[in-house]
Amino acid sequence: MPSKSLRAVLTTPDLMTLGGVTEVSSSAKGNFNGLVVFLKHKSRSLTLNLNYQYSHALDEISNGGFNGFSANSVFPDNPFDLTKNYGNADYDTRHYVSGNYIYSVPHFGGPKVLVDNWQFTGTVFHSTGLPFTVTDGATATSITNYGGPLFARQIQPYSGTHCGGTKATLTTGNSVPCSFTTDFGSATNFGQSGRNQLYGPNYTDTDFAVSKAFRMPGSESGKLKVGAQFYNLFNHPNFGQPGHDVGSPGTLGLITSTVNTPTSILGSFLGGDAAPRLIQLTAKFEF
């Protein structure tokens, strides 16, 4: 009996009909080292908490690669070598200080209705700036089928790794750009500078509240509490990241925005992105 064989024919579709391919993997690496110091004091009239953290976070990509943090891109600069993206994490905050206090004024004498039940509370935040990368958007758009960022070419040692404080200027008046603008030029290849090697402005915020309680007649524990809350007490402006695209020389090195406080009474939605001092008057019953 003659033998028979089966043959399968695989046809290859036209590659022009295929869409883009997205590869998701957990092959990147990261590490975090930190030191936390905590101080707490509690007495009859004063409660005080103070925290300090020194830390250093490094990775190849932050936030799981889904959304850029602090105006950074989630794509690697060198598509042929992902490990060269290893550097300071987008959320790397080297120094962070926070504190809060509650001071209930004890009775020193005088009419109790006027001098008793005063309370002062407040919070303090301070952190060093977040990192950013100097990029070259103009050259990146000229590369065919390349959708990621292109790190700018470092042409000399850093003039300074921090941009902020006295250097924080808006684009009004005589603006002075950050010193890193002279350290970078247009890219001619991949991987010509490191990721997140420079840092933006520091952040400082102080909130304060004062209140006075009045006992309710005929009630053992009922009180009417009135007061005022001050958000960003000293009206201190906190600035956003500087322009860091050498392909946009008009904004390179300039800080053109402020950031809102984390404790604003307006929240974080549209309208809450306000940096000025906000004052809120309060009145409430406590039973």
Protein backbone atom coordinates (compact mmCIF):
# COMPACT_ATOMS: atom_id res chain seq x y z
CA MET A 1 0.00 0.00 0.00
CA PRO A 2 1.55 3.29 -0.99
CA SER A 3 2.41 5.61 1.87
CA LYS A 4 0.88 9.02 2.22
CA SER A 5 2.27 12.14 3.94
CA LEU A 6 0.54 15.24 5.24
CA ARG A 7 2.04 18.63 4.57
CA ALA A 8 1.01 21.81 6.31
CA VAL A 9 1.46 25.06 4.46
CA LEU A 10 2.11 28.18 6.58
CA THR A 11 1.34 31.41 4.87
CA THR A 12 2.94 34.64 6.07
CA PRO A 13 0.62 37.65 6.07
CA ASP A 14 1.66 40.94 4.63
CA LEU A 15 3.67 42.71 7.35
CA MET A 16 2.07 46.00 6.38
CA THR A 17 -1.20 44.79 7.87
CA LEU A 18 0.24 44.24 11.36
CA GLY A 19 0.01 46.82 14.13
CA GLY A 20 2.62 47.82 16.65
CA VAL A 21 3.94 45.29 19.15
CA THR A 22 4.23 46.24 22.83
CA GLU A 23 6.52 44.13 25.00
CA VAL A 24 5.94 44.21 28.77
CA SER A 25 8.44 42.54 31.08
CA SER A 26 9.69 42.69 34.66
CA SER A 27 13.34 42.51 33.73
CA ALA A 28 14.35 45.93 35.06
CA LYS A 29 16.05 46.36 38.42
CA GLY A 30 16.01 48.92 41.19
CA ASN A 31 17.12 49.42 44.76
CA PHE A 32 16.46 51.72 47.69
CA ASN A 33 18.61 52.61 50.68
CA GLY A 34 17.46 54.90 53.43
CA LEU A 35 17.81 56.06 57.01
CA VAL A 36 14.82 57.30 59.02
CA VAL A 37 15.07 59.25 62.28
CA PHE A 38 11.92 59.85 64.33
CA LEU A 39 11.56 62.20 67.30
CA LYS A 40 8.43 62.37 69.43
CA HIS A 41 7.62 64.50 72.47
CA LYS A 42 4.40 64.43 74.43
CA SER A 43 3.51 66.40 77.53
CA ARG A 44 0.33 67.74 79.09
CA SER A 45 0.18 70.74 76.76
CA LEU A 46 2.49 69.90 73.82
CA THR A 47 2.61 67.05 71.32
CA LEU A 48 5.48 67.21 68.82
CA ASN A 49 6.48 64.80 66.03
CA LEU A 50 9.54 65.28 63.83
CA ASN A 51 10.74 62.97 61.04
CA TYR A 52 13.89 63.01 58.93
CA GLN A 53 14.71 60.64 56.09
CA TYR A 54 17.88 60.32 54.06
CA SER A 55 17.44 58.00 51.11
CA HIS A 56 18.63 57.12 47.63
CA ALA A 57 16.42 55.30 45.12
CA LEU A 58 17.78 53.99 41.81
CA ASP A 59 16.14 52.04 39.00
CA GLU A 60 15.96 51.58 35.25
CA ILE A 61 12.36 52.74 35.03
CA SER A 62 10.00 54.24 37.62
CA ASN A 63 6.33 53.81 38.41
CA GLY A 64 6.13 50.49 36.61
CA GLY A 65 6.64 52.18 33.25
CA PHE A 66 3.05 53.36 33.05
CA ASN A 67 3.18 57.11 33.75
CA GLY A 68 6.11 59.45 33.85
CA PHE A 69 6.76 61.05 37.24
CA SER A 70 8.07 64.60 37.65
CA ALA A 71 7.90 65.31 33.89
CA ASN A 72 10.13 62.33 33.06
CA SER A 73 9.54 59.88 30.23
CA VAL A 74 9.02 56.18 30.89
CA PHE A 75 10.89 55.10 27.73
CA PRO A 76 14.60 54.18 27.71
CA ASP A 77 17.08 56.35 25.90
CA ASN A 78 19.04 53.48 24.36
CA PRO A 79 16.73 50.79 22.91
CA PHE A 80 19.72 48.48 22.38
CA ASP A 81 20.83 48.48 26.02
CA LEU A 82 18.14 48.98 28.68
CA THR A 83 20.63 48.76 31.54
CA LYS A 84 22.09 52.12 30.53
CA ASN A 85 18.82 53.65 31.74
CA TYR A 86 19.85 52.78 35.31
CA GLY A 87 20.04 55.94 37.41
CA ASN A 88 18.28 57.98 40.07
CA ALA A 89 14.60 57.05 40.28
CA ASP A 90 12.07 59.66 39.20
CA TYR A 91 10.89 60.01 42.81
CA ASP A 92 14.36 60.01 44.40
CA THR A 93 14.17 62.50 47.28
CA ARG A 94 17.53 62.60 49.00
CA HIS A 95 16.47 64.57 52.10
CA TYR A 96 12.96 64.78 53.54
CA VAL A 97 11.83 66.49 56.75
CA SER A 98 8.29 66.60 58.12
CA GLY A 99 6.85 67.60 61.44
CA ASN A 100 3.61 68.43 63.24
CA TYR A 101 2.70 69.87 66.60
CA ILE A 102 -0.32 70.48 68.84
CA TYR A 103 -0.05 73.04 71.65
CA SER A 104 -2.94 73.45 74.07
CA VAL A 105 -2.41 76.64 76.07
CA PRO A 106 -2.56 75.90 79.81
CA HIS A 107 -4.38 78.16 82.21
CA PHE A 108 -2.08 80.92 83.48
CA GLY A 109 -4.74 83.09 85.10
CA GLY A 110 -7.45 85.53 84.10
CA PRO A 111 -11.05 84.96 82.94
CA LYS A 112 -11.36 81.33 81.81
CA VAL A 113 -13.85 82.20 79.09
CA LEU A 114 -11.12 84.27 77.40
CA VAL A 115 -7.85 82.50 78.22
CA ASP A 116 -8.80 78.81 78.35
CA ASN A 117 -9.23 76.25 75.53
CA TRP A 118 -6.86 77.89 73.04
CA GLN A 119 -5.05 75.49 70.74
CA PHE A 120 -2.32 75.97 68.12
CA THR A 121 -1.45 73.30 65.56
CA GLY A 122 0.75 73.14 62.52
CA THR A 123 2.73 71.08 60.03
CA VAL A 124 6.09 71.54 58.32
CA PHE A 125 7.34 69.88 55.11
CA HIS A 126 10.71 70.21 53.42
CA SER A 127 12.35 68.04 50.78
CA THR A 128 15.16 68.35 48.30
CA GLY A 129 14.29 68.53 44.61
CA LEU A 130 13.26 65.72 42.30
CA PRO A 131 15.59 64.52 39.52
CA PHE A 132 15.21 65.16 35.80
CA THR A 133 17.00 64.32 32.56
CA VAL A 134 18.18 66.75 29.91
CA THR A 135 16.71 65.58 26.59
CA ASP A 136 16.88 66.49 22.91
CA GLY A 137 13.37 66.43 21.47
CA ALA A 138 14.29 67.92 18.10
CA THR A 139 16.81 65.20 17.22
CA ALA A 140 14.54 62.45 18.61
CA THR A 141 11.72 63.34 16.20
CA SER A 142 14.11 63.01 13.25
CA ILE A 143 14.79 59.31 14.00
CA THR A 144 12.52 57.01 11.99
CA ASN A 145 10.25 54.70 14.02
CA TYR A 146 11.63 55.93 17.35
CA GLY A 147 9.08 57.11 19.90
CA GLY A 148 11.21 57.47 23.00
CA PRO A 149 13.24 60.35 24.40
CA LEU A 150 16.80 61.05 23.38
CA PHE A 151 19.14 62.14 26.13
CA ALA A 152 21.11 65.26 25.27
CA ARG A 153 24.86 65.04 24.73
CA GLN A 154 26.94 66.08 27.73
CA ILE A 155 29.73 68.30 26.43
CA GLN A 156 31.45 69.21 29.71
CA PRO A 157 31.34 68.37 33.47
CA TYR A 158 28.29 69.64 35.33
CA SER A 159 28.36 73.28 36.35
CA GLY A 160 25.95 72.26 39.11
CA THR A 161 23.56 69.36 39.70
CA HIS A 162 20.87 71.41 41.47
CA CYS A 163 18.58 74.00 39.89
CA GLY A 164 16.40 75.90 42.33
CA GLY A 165 16.42 78.21 45.31
CA THR A 166 17.90 81.53 44.23
CA LYS A 167 18.12 80.22 40.66
CA ALA A 168 14.35 79.62 40.46
CA THR A 169 13.09 82.25 38.03
CA LEU A 170 9.99 82.61 35.92
CA THR A 171 9.96 83.77 32.31
CA THR A 172 9.08 87.31 33.34
CA GLY A 173 11.60 90.09 33.60
CA ASN A 174 15.28 89.26 33.36
CA SER A 175 15.20 85.47 33.59
CA VAL A 176 18.44 83.66 34.35
CA PRO A 177 18.48 80.00 33.22
CA CYS A 178 19.96 77.22 35.32
CA SER A 179 23.67 76.64 34.85
CA PHE A 180 23.28 73.18 33.28
CA THR A 181 22.32 74.76 29.94
CA THR A 182 26.02 75.17 29.09
CA ASP A 183 26.80 71.54 29.88
CA PHE A 184 24.66 69.90 27.16
CA GLY A 185 24.25 70.02 23.41
CA SER A 186 22.34 68.24 20.66
CA ALA A 187 22.62 64.45 20.69
CA THR A 188 24.46 62.58 17.94
CA ASN A 189 23.82 59.05 19.28
CA PHE A 190 22.15 57.11 22.07
CA GLY A 191 23.38 57.11 25.67
CA GLN A 192 25.43 60.32 25.60
CA SER A 193 24.41 61.37 29.12
CA GLY A 194 22.97 59.74 32.23
CA ARG A 195 19.35 59.51 33.34
CA ASN A 196 18.06 61.74 36.15
CA GLN A 197 21.44 63.18 37.07
CA LEU A 198 20.18 66.71 37.76
CA TYR A 199 17.76 67.93 40.43
CA GLY A 200 15.05 70.58 40.44
CA PRO A 201 13.97 73.05 43.15
CA ASN A 202 13.47 72.11 46.77
CA TYR A 203 10.00 72.06 48.31
CA THR A 204 8.99 73.78 51.56
CA ASP A 205 5.54 74.24 53.05
CA THR A 206 4.17 75.27 56.45
CA ASP A 207 0.55 75.10 57.59
CA PHE A 208 -0.84 76.61 60.78
CA ALA A 209 -4.17 76.64 62.63
CA VAL A 210 -5.47 78.41 65.72
CA SER A 211 -8.75 77.63 67.51
CA LYS A 212 -10.68 78.63 70.61
CA ALA A 213 -13.33 76.46 72.27
CA PHE A 214 -16.31 77.73 74.25
CA ARG A 215 -18.24 75.46 76.58
CA MET A 216 -21.92 75.00 75.74
CA PRO A 217 -24.26 75.98 78.61
CA GLY A 218 -26.09 72.98 80.07
CA SER A 219 -23.71 70.42 78.52
CA GLU A 220 -20.86 68.64 80.26
CA SER A 221 -18.79 67.97 77.13
CA GLY A 222 -20.36 70.12 74.42
CA LYS A 223 -18.16 72.85 72.93
CA LEU A 224 -18.34 75.43 70.17
CA LYS A 225 -14.94 75.55 68.49
CA VAL A 226 -14.04 78.47 66.20
CA GLY A 227 -10.74 79.14 64.50
CA ALA A 228 -8.74 79.82 61.36
CA GLN A 229 -6.50 77.60 59.22
CA PHE A 230 -3.60 78.96 57.17
CA TYR A 231 -2.33 76.83 54.29
CA ASN A 232 1.14 77.83 53.06
CA LEU A 233 1.37 80.17 56.04
CA PHE A 234 4.34 82.20 54.79
CA ASN A 235 3.04 82.41 51.19
CA HIS A 236 6.22 80.65 50.07
CA PRO A 237 6.29 79.81 46.33
CA ASN A 238 7.40 76.32 45.31
CA PHE A 239 8.61 75.97 41.75
CA GLY A 240 8.24 73.23 39.17
CA GLN A 241 10.99 71.59 37.14
CA PRO A 242 13.05 73.71 34.74
CA GLY A 243 12.78 73.28 30.99
CA HIS A 244 15.23 70.50 30.10
CA ASP A 245 14.88 70.02 26.33
CA VAL A 246 17.84 71.37 24.36
CA GLY A 247 15.55 71.25 21.31
CA SER A 248 13.49 74.06 22.88
CA PRO A 249 16.11 76.74 23.60
CA GLY A 250 13.45 79.33 24.48
CA THR A 251 12.58 77.55 27.75
CA LEU A 252 15.78 75.57 28.39
CA GLY A 253 16.85 76.01 31.99
CA LEU A 254 13.92 78.28 32.86
CA ILE A 255 11.36 77.51 35.55
CA THR A 256 7.97 78.56 34.24
CA SER A 257 5.53 77.09 36.76
CA THR A 258 4.79 76.63 40.45
CA VAL A 259 3.45 73.54 42.22
CA ASN A 260 0.54 73.32 44.61
CA THR A 261 0.71 72.40 48.27
CA PRO A 262 -0.17 68.81 49.31
CA THR A 263 -2.61 70.04 51.96
CA SER A 264 -4.63 72.60 50.00
CA ILE A 265 -8.28 73.01 51.04
CA LEU A 266 -9.14 72.75 47.34
CA GLY A 267 -7.66 69.28 46.91
CA SER A 268 -5.54 68.21 43.94
CA PHE A 269 -8.12 68.66 41.19
CA LEU A 270 -8.40 71.60 38.79
CA GLY A 271 -8.45 74.78 40.84
CA GLY A 272 -6.47 73.16 43.63
CA ASP A 273 -3.18 73.70 41.80
CA ALA A 274 -2.67 76.97 43.65
CA ALA A 275 0.54 77.94 45.40
CA PRO A 276 -0.51 81.13 47.30
CA ARG A 277 -1.49 81.19 50.97
CA LEU A 278 -5.07 80.11 51.61
CA ILE A 279 -7.06 80.98 54.75
CA GLN A 280 -10.11 79.11 55.95
CA LEU A 281 -12.36 80.15 58.85
CA THR A 282 -13.96 77.28 60.78
CA ALA A 283 -16.72 76.79 63.31
CA LYS A 284 -17.94 73.45 64.62
CA PHE A 285 -19.75 71.83 67.54
CA GLU A 286 -18.07 69.08 69.52
CA PHE A 287 -19.99 66.74 71.82
